[in-house]
Each structure stands twice: as C-alpha cells, then as structure tokens.
N, C-alpha and C. Protein backbone atom coordinates (compact mmCIF):
# COMPACT_ATOMS: atom_id res chain seq x y z
N UNK A 1 51.51 -93.56 -116.54
CA UNK A 1 52.64 -93.11 -117.35
C UNK A 1 52.10 -92.68 -118.72
N UNK A 2 52.46 -91.46 -119.14
CA UNK A 2 52.00 -90.96 -120.43
C UNK A 2 52.74 -91.68 -121.56
N UNK A 3 52.23 -91.50 -122.77
CA UNK A 3 52.86 -92.11 -123.94
C UNK A 3 54.29 -91.57 -124.11
N UNK A 4 54.45 -90.26 -123.90
CA UNK A 4 55.77 -89.64 -124.02
C UNK A 4 56.73 -90.20 -122.97
N UNK A 5 56.26 -90.32 -121.73
CA UNK A 5 57.10 -90.87 -120.66
C UNK A 5 57.48 -92.31 -120.96
N UNK A 6 56.55 -93.07 -121.51
CA UNK A 6 56.83 -94.46 -121.89
C UNK A 6 57.92 -94.49 -122.95
N UNK A 7 57.82 -93.61 -123.95
CA UNK A 7 58.83 -93.55 -125.00
C UNK A 7 60.20 -93.18 -124.48
N UNK A 8 60.26 -92.20 -123.58
CA UNK A 8 61.54 -91.78 -123.00
C UNK A 8 62.16 -92.92 -122.19
N UNK A 9 61.34 -93.60 -121.40
CA UNK A 9 61.83 -94.73 -120.62
C UNK A 9 62.33 -95.84 -121.55
N UNK A 10 61.59 -96.12 -122.61
CA UNK A 10 62.00 -97.14 -123.57
C UNK A 10 63.34 -96.82 -124.21
N UNK A 11 63.55 -95.56 -124.57
CA UNK A 11 64.82 -95.16 -125.17
C UNK A 11 65.97 -95.31 -124.17
N UNK A 12 65.73 -94.96 -122.92
CA UNK A 12 66.75 -95.11 -121.88
C UNK A 12 67.10 -96.59 -121.69
N UNK A 13 66.08 -97.44 -121.60
CA UNK A 13 66.31 -98.88 -121.44
C UNK A 13 67.03 -99.45 -122.65
N UNK A 14 66.66 -99.00 -123.85
CA UNK A 14 67.30 -99.48 -125.07
C UNK A 14 68.77 -99.08 -125.11
N UNK A 15 69.08 -97.85 -124.73
CA UNK A 15 70.48 -97.38 -124.73
C UNK A 15 71.32 -98.22 -123.77
N UNK A 16 70.79 -98.48 -122.59
CA UNK A 16 71.52 -99.32 -121.61
C UNK A 16 71.70 -100.73 -122.16
N UNK A 17 70.67 -101.28 -122.78
CA UNK A 17 70.70 -102.61 -123.37
C UNK A 17 71.79 -102.69 -124.44
N UNK A 18 71.86 -101.67 -125.30
CA UNK A 18 72.85 -101.65 -126.37
C UNK A 18 74.27 -101.52 -125.81
N UNK A 19 74.44 -100.64 -124.83
CA UNK A 19 75.77 -100.45 -124.25
C UNK A 19 76.29 -101.74 -123.61
N UNK A 20 75.40 -102.50 -122.97
CA UNK A 20 75.81 -103.78 -122.38
C UNK A 20 76.27 -104.76 -123.45
N UNK A 21 75.82 -104.58 -124.67
CA UNK A 21 76.20 -105.46 -125.78
C UNK A 21 77.35 -104.92 -126.61
N UNK A 22 77.99 -103.84 -126.13
CA UNK A 22 79.18 -103.33 -126.80
C UNK A 22 78.94 -102.22 -127.81
N UNK A 23 77.72 -101.73 -127.92
CA UNK A 23 77.45 -100.60 -128.80
C UNK A 23 77.94 -99.33 -128.12
N UNK A 24 78.53 -98.44 -128.89
CA UNK A 24 78.97 -97.14 -128.38
C UNK A 24 77.96 -96.09 -128.83
N UNK A 25 77.32 -95.44 -127.88
CA UNK A 25 76.33 -94.42 -128.21
C UNK A 25 77.06 -93.18 -128.72
N UNK A 26 76.71 -92.74 -129.92
CA UNK A 26 77.31 -91.56 -130.53
C UNK A 26 76.40 -90.35 -130.30
N UNK A 27 75.11 -90.55 -130.44
CA UNK A 27 74.16 -89.45 -130.35
C UNK A 27 72.77 -90.02 -130.09
N UNK A 28 71.96 -89.23 -129.41
CA UNK A 28 70.56 -89.63 -129.21
C UNK A 28 69.65 -88.54 -129.76
N UNK A 29 68.50 -88.99 -130.22
CA UNK A 29 67.45 -88.09 -130.73
C UNK A 29 67.96 -87.13 -131.80
N UNK A 30 68.65 -87.68 -132.80
CA UNK A 30 69.11 -86.88 -133.94
C UNK A 30 67.91 -86.48 -134.78
N UNK A 31 67.79 -85.17 -135.01
CA UNK A 31 66.69 -84.64 -135.81
C UNK A 31 67.22 -83.87 -137.01
N UNK A 32 66.47 -83.97 -138.11
CA UNK A 32 66.79 -83.23 -139.33
C UNK A 32 65.46 -83.03 -140.07
N UNK A 33 65.47 -82.30 -141.18
CA UNK A 33 64.20 -82.08 -141.90
C UNK A 33 63.49 -83.37 -142.34
N UNK A 34 64.25 -84.44 -142.54
CA UNK A 34 63.64 -85.70 -142.99
C UNK A 34 62.97 -86.48 -141.85
N UNK A 35 63.30 -86.15 -140.60
CA UNK A 35 62.72 -86.87 -139.48
C UNK A 35 63.71 -86.98 -138.33
N UNK A 36 63.61 -88.07 -137.58
CA UNK A 36 64.52 -88.28 -136.45
C UNK A 36 64.79 -89.75 -136.26
N UNK A 37 65.90 -90.00 -135.58
CA UNK A 37 66.25 -91.36 -135.19
C UNK A 37 66.60 -91.32 -133.72
N UNK A 38 66.21 -92.35 -133.00
CA UNK A 38 66.35 -92.33 -131.55
C UNK A 38 67.80 -92.40 -131.07
N UNK A 39 68.57 -93.33 -131.62
CA UNK A 39 69.95 -93.53 -131.14
C UNK A 39 70.87 -93.79 -132.34
N UNK A 40 72.02 -93.13 -132.34
CA UNK A 40 73.06 -93.40 -133.33
C UNK A 40 74.22 -94.03 -132.57
N UNK A 41 74.69 -95.19 -133.04
CA UNK A 41 75.75 -95.92 -132.35
C UNK A 41 76.83 -96.36 -133.33
N UNK A 42 77.92 -96.81 -132.73
CA UNK A 42 78.95 -97.54 -133.48
C UNK A 42 79.02 -98.93 -132.87
N UNK A 43 79.12 -99.90 -133.76
CA UNK A 43 79.25 -101.28 -133.31
C UNK A 43 80.21 -101.97 -134.27
N UNK A 44 81.39 -102.26 -133.79
CA UNK A 44 82.40 -102.85 -134.67
C UNK A 44 82.71 -101.88 -135.80
N UNK A 45 82.63 -102.37 -137.03
CA UNK A 45 82.91 -101.56 -138.21
C UNK A 45 81.65 -100.90 -138.77
N UNK A 46 80.58 -100.87 -138.00
CA UNK A 46 79.31 -100.33 -138.48
C UNK A 46 78.89 -99.07 -137.74
N UNK A 47 78.28 -98.17 -138.48
CA UNK A 47 77.50 -97.09 -137.91
C UNK A 47 76.08 -97.64 -137.86
N UNK A 48 75.45 -97.61 -136.70
CA UNK A 48 74.13 -98.22 -136.55
C UNK A 48 73.13 -97.16 -136.07
N UNK A 49 72.08 -97.00 -136.84
CA UNK A 49 70.97 -96.14 -136.48
C UNK A 49 69.93 -97.03 -135.81
N UNK A 50 69.45 -96.62 -134.64
CA UNK A 50 68.56 -97.47 -133.88
C UNK A 50 67.23 -96.76 -133.64
N UNK A 51 66.17 -97.38 -134.11
CA UNK A 51 64.81 -96.92 -133.83
C UNK A 51 64.31 -97.74 -132.64
N UNK A 52 63.78 -97.06 -131.63
CA UNK A 52 63.27 -97.73 -130.44
C UNK A 52 61.75 -97.68 -130.50
N UNK A 53 61.13 -98.85 -130.34
CA UNK A 53 59.67 -98.94 -130.33
C UNK A 53 59.25 -99.51 -128.98
N UNK A 54 58.52 -98.72 -128.22
CA UNK A 54 58.11 -99.12 -126.89
C UNK A 54 56.59 -99.19 -126.83
N UNK A 55 56.09 -100.27 -126.27
CA UNK A 55 54.64 -100.45 -126.13
C UNK A 55 54.31 -100.90 -124.73
N UNK A 56 53.16 -100.44 -124.25
CA UNK A 56 52.68 -100.84 -122.93
C UNK A 56 51.74 -102.04 -123.02
N UNK A 57 51.20 -102.29 -124.22
CA UNK A 57 50.32 -103.44 -124.40
C UNK A 57 50.38 -103.88 -125.86
N UNK A 58 49.85 -105.07 -126.13
CA UNK A 58 49.82 -105.57 -127.50
C UNK A 58 48.46 -105.33 -128.15
N UNK A 59 47.67 -104.45 -127.53
CA UNK A 59 46.33 -104.17 -128.03
C UNK A 59 46.34 -103.76 -129.50
N UNK A 60 47.35 -102.99 -129.91
CA UNK A 60 47.42 -102.54 -131.30
C UNK A 60 48.60 -103.18 -132.02
N UNK A 61 48.99 -104.37 -131.60
CA UNK A 61 50.09 -105.09 -132.23
C UNK A 61 51.38 -104.96 -131.46
N UNK A 62 52.38 -105.70 -131.91
CA UNK A 62 53.68 -105.69 -131.25
C UNK A 62 54.45 -104.44 -131.65
N UNK A 63 55.49 -104.10 -130.88
CA UNK A 63 56.28 -102.92 -131.22
C UNK A 63 56.86 -102.99 -132.64
N UNK A 64 57.37 -104.14 -133.02
CA UNK A 64 57.99 -104.26 -134.35
C UNK A 64 56.98 -104.09 -135.48
N UNK A 65 55.72 -104.43 -135.22
CA UNK A 65 54.69 -104.25 -136.25
C UNK A 65 54.37 -102.78 -136.50
N UNK A 66 54.81 -101.91 -135.60
CA UNK A 66 54.51 -100.48 -135.75
C UNK A 66 55.50 -99.77 -136.68
N UNK A 67 56.47 -100.49 -137.22
CA UNK A 67 57.41 -99.90 -138.19
C UNK A 67 56.78 -100.04 -139.57
N UNK A 68 56.13 -99.00 -140.02
CA UNK A 68 55.43 -99.01 -141.31
C UNK A 68 56.42 -98.77 -142.46
N UNK A 69 56.00 -99.07 -143.69
CA UNK A 69 56.86 -98.76 -144.84
C UNK A 69 57.23 -97.27 -144.91
N UNK A 70 56.31 -96.39 -144.53
CA UNK A 70 56.60 -94.95 -144.52
C UNK A 70 57.68 -94.64 -143.48
N UNK A 71 57.58 -95.24 -142.30
CA UNK A 71 58.59 -95.03 -141.25
C UNK A 71 59.95 -95.56 -141.70
N UNK A 72 59.96 -96.72 -142.36
CA UNK A 72 61.22 -97.29 -142.85
C UNK A 72 61.88 -96.34 -143.84
N UNK A 73 61.10 -95.79 -144.75
CA UNK A 73 61.66 -94.86 -145.74
C UNK A 73 62.19 -93.61 -145.06
N UNK A 74 61.46 -93.10 -144.08
CA UNK A 74 61.92 -91.92 -143.35
C UNK A 74 63.23 -92.20 -142.62
N UNK A 75 63.36 -93.39 -142.03
CA UNK A 75 64.60 -93.76 -141.34
C UNK A 75 65.77 -93.82 -142.33
N UNK A 76 65.52 -94.35 -143.52
CA UNK A 76 66.59 -94.39 -144.53
C UNK A 76 67.03 -92.98 -144.92
N UNK A 77 66.06 -92.06 -145.05
CA UNK A 77 66.38 -90.68 -145.41
C UNK A 77 67.16 -89.98 -144.29
N UNK A 78 66.76 -90.22 -143.04
CA UNK A 78 67.46 -89.63 -141.89
C UNK A 78 68.89 -90.16 -141.84
N UNK A 79 69.06 -91.46 -142.03
CA UNK A 79 70.40 -92.06 -142.01
C UNK A 79 71.27 -91.46 -143.11
N UNK A 80 70.70 -91.26 -144.28
CA UNK A 80 71.44 -90.67 -145.39
C UNK A 80 71.87 -89.24 -145.06
N UNK A 81 70.97 -88.47 -144.49
CA UNK A 81 71.29 -87.09 -144.11
C UNK A 81 72.39 -87.08 -143.06
N UNK A 82 72.29 -87.94 -142.07
CA UNK A 82 73.29 -88.01 -141.00
C UNK A 82 74.67 -88.30 -141.60
N UNK A 83 74.73 -89.27 -142.50
CA UNK A 83 76.00 -89.65 -143.11
C UNK A 83 76.56 -88.50 -143.95
N UNK A 84 75.68 -87.73 -144.60
CA UNK A 84 76.13 -86.58 -145.39
C UNK A 84 76.69 -85.46 -144.51
N UNK A 85 76.14 -85.31 -143.31
CA UNK A 85 76.51 -84.19 -142.43
C UNK A 85 77.71 -84.47 -141.51
N UNK A 86 78.12 -85.72 -141.42
CA UNK A 86 79.19 -86.07 -140.48
C UNK A 86 80.39 -86.70 -141.20
N UNK A 87 81.55 -86.42 -140.67
CA UNK A 87 82.79 -86.97 -141.23
C UNK A 87 83.29 -88.13 -140.37
N UNK A 88 84.27 -88.84 -140.90
CA UNK A 88 84.94 -89.92 -140.18
C UNK A 88 83.98 -90.99 -139.65
N UNK A 89 83.04 -91.37 -140.49
CA UNK A 89 82.09 -92.42 -140.12
C UNK A 89 82.48 -93.74 -140.78
N UNK A 90 82.13 -94.84 -140.15
CA UNK A 90 82.37 -96.13 -140.81
C UNK A 90 81.62 -96.17 -142.15
N UNK A 91 82.22 -96.84 -143.12
CA UNK A 91 81.58 -96.94 -144.43
C UNK A 91 80.31 -97.80 -144.36
N UNK A 92 80.38 -98.85 -143.56
CA UNK A 92 79.23 -99.74 -143.44
C UNK A 92 78.23 -99.18 -142.43
N UNK A 93 76.96 -99.33 -142.74
CA UNK A 93 75.94 -98.84 -141.83
C UNK A 93 74.69 -99.70 -141.97
N UNK A 94 73.84 -99.61 -140.95
CA UNK A 94 72.58 -100.33 -140.98
C UNK A 94 71.59 -99.65 -140.03
N UNK A 95 70.35 -100.06 -140.14
CA UNK A 95 69.31 -99.55 -139.25
C UNK A 95 68.73 -100.72 -138.47
N UNK A 96 68.88 -100.66 -137.16
CA UNK A 96 68.35 -101.69 -136.26
C UNK A 96 67.12 -101.15 -135.55
N UNK A 97 66.36 -102.06 -134.98
CA UNK A 97 65.21 -101.69 -134.15
C UNK A 97 65.37 -102.39 -132.81
N UNK A 98 65.14 -101.64 -131.74
CA UNK A 98 65.06 -102.25 -130.41
C UNK A 98 63.60 -102.15 -129.98
N UNK A 99 63.01 -103.30 -129.68
CA UNK A 99 61.62 -103.32 -129.21
C UNK A 99 61.63 -103.48 -127.69
N UNK A 100 60.79 -102.68 -127.06
CA UNK A 100 60.66 -102.71 -125.61
C UNK A 100 59.18 -102.89 -125.30
N UNK A 101 58.86 -103.97 -124.63
CA UNK A 101 57.49 -104.19 -124.17
C UNK A 101 57.48 -104.00 -122.67
N UNK A 102 56.58 -103.14 -122.22
CA UNK A 102 56.46 -102.82 -120.80
C UNK A 102 55.28 -103.56 -120.20
N UNK A 103 55.41 -103.89 -118.93
CA UNK A 103 54.32 -104.49 -118.18
C UNK A 103 54.38 -103.94 -116.75
N UNK A 104 53.34 -103.24 -116.38
CA UNK A 104 53.28 -102.64 -115.04
C UNK A 104 54.47 -101.74 -114.74
N UNK A 105 54.87 -100.97 -115.74
CA UNK A 105 55.96 -100.01 -115.56
C UNK A 105 57.35 -100.57 -115.61
N UNK A 106 57.48 -101.88 -115.91
CA UNK A 106 58.79 -102.51 -115.98
C UNK A 106 58.94 -103.21 -117.34
N UNK A 107 60.18 -103.33 -117.82
CA UNK A 107 60.38 -103.99 -119.11
C UNK A 107 60.08 -105.49 -119.03
N UNK A 108 59.19 -105.95 -119.88
CA UNK A 108 58.88 -107.38 -119.95
C UNK A 108 59.70 -108.05 -121.05
N UNK A 109 60.07 -107.26 -122.06
CA UNK A 109 60.88 -107.80 -123.17
C UNK A 109 61.65 -106.65 -123.79
N UNK A 110 62.94 -106.88 -124.01
CA UNK A 110 63.78 -105.96 -124.78
C UNK A 110 64.51 -106.83 -125.80
N UNK A 111 64.34 -106.48 -127.06
CA UNK A 111 64.93 -107.31 -128.11
C UNK A 111 65.52 -106.43 -129.21
N UNK A 112 66.68 -106.83 -129.70
CA UNK A 112 67.35 -106.14 -130.80
C UNK A 112 67.06 -106.88 -132.10
N UNK A 113 66.62 -106.14 -133.10
CA UNK A 113 66.42 -106.69 -134.44
C UNK A 113 67.43 -106.00 -135.34
N UNK A 114 68.50 -106.72 -135.67
CA UNK A 114 69.56 -106.13 -136.50
C UNK A 114 69.11 -106.00 -137.95
N UNK A 115 69.55 -104.92 -138.58
CA UNK A 115 69.26 -104.67 -140.00
C UNK A 115 67.76 -104.79 -140.29
N UNK A 116 66.96 -104.28 -139.39
CA UNK A 116 65.49 -104.38 -139.51
C UNK A 116 64.94 -103.56 -140.67
N UNK A 117 65.68 -102.52 -141.05
CA UNK A 117 65.25 -101.67 -142.15
C UNK A 117 66.32 -101.73 -143.22
N UNK A 118 66.08 -102.54 -144.24
CA UNK A 118 67.05 -102.67 -145.32
C UNK A 118 67.03 -101.48 -146.25
N UNK A 119 67.81 -101.53 -147.32
CA UNK A 119 67.88 -100.41 -148.25
C UNK A 119 66.97 -100.60 -149.46
N UNK A 120 65.81 -101.18 -149.22
CA UNK A 120 64.84 -101.50 -150.27
C UNK A 120 64.60 -100.38 -151.22
C-alpha cells in the first residue's frame, strides 16, 4: 500500500469513526491558499476541523507526534479562511486530530484528540 493509499484509507476510516460518534461531515479535503484540512464537521454547537494522521509503523514516531508547530499554524490559517468563506457556521470551533495506526492493512488504533490544535 502506497503512502497516498494509506492516507486515503485513514481518512475514510476516520470519517466513519467520527460519524459513529455523532459528528456530521460537512466537507472533506477542503483546500485553500493557506493549505488543506482533511475533514470539516459539525458536532453539537461546534464547527470542527479534523486533521487525520495515519501511520503504518511507529518507526518515525506516533501519528500525533507528526503534528508540527508549522502544521498547527497552517491548520489555524485554513480554519480561519474556511470560516471567512462560509456563512451560517457555529460561532464555536476547534481543531481535532484523529490518529489512525495501521497494522497489516487494518486499523490497529483509531483515536480522537479533541482540541488538539489550540489558538496559541
């Protein structure tokens, strides 16, 4: 499985995981000049931007460790652009991360980290 295929599978698994927990998928793979975010959802009174990190091994660290300060800043900029471009959005928003660890082509761990990227 290529890196791209792994990422696509991780995003699909993450979307299903979120929907089972009551998240409503609004959009996937939103792109703008500032970057992209994997999944945009609504959950209760929140607009939630979700970054999905999928890894096939822990050789280079866990999925959550791959969210660098530069990536966090880019996610904040993308979220800001999205909110500027869309109407009728919840006032409250946050950026979550879903980590997906794969083992032999199957998910070994899927975990939601709420508010993983604060507004630092």
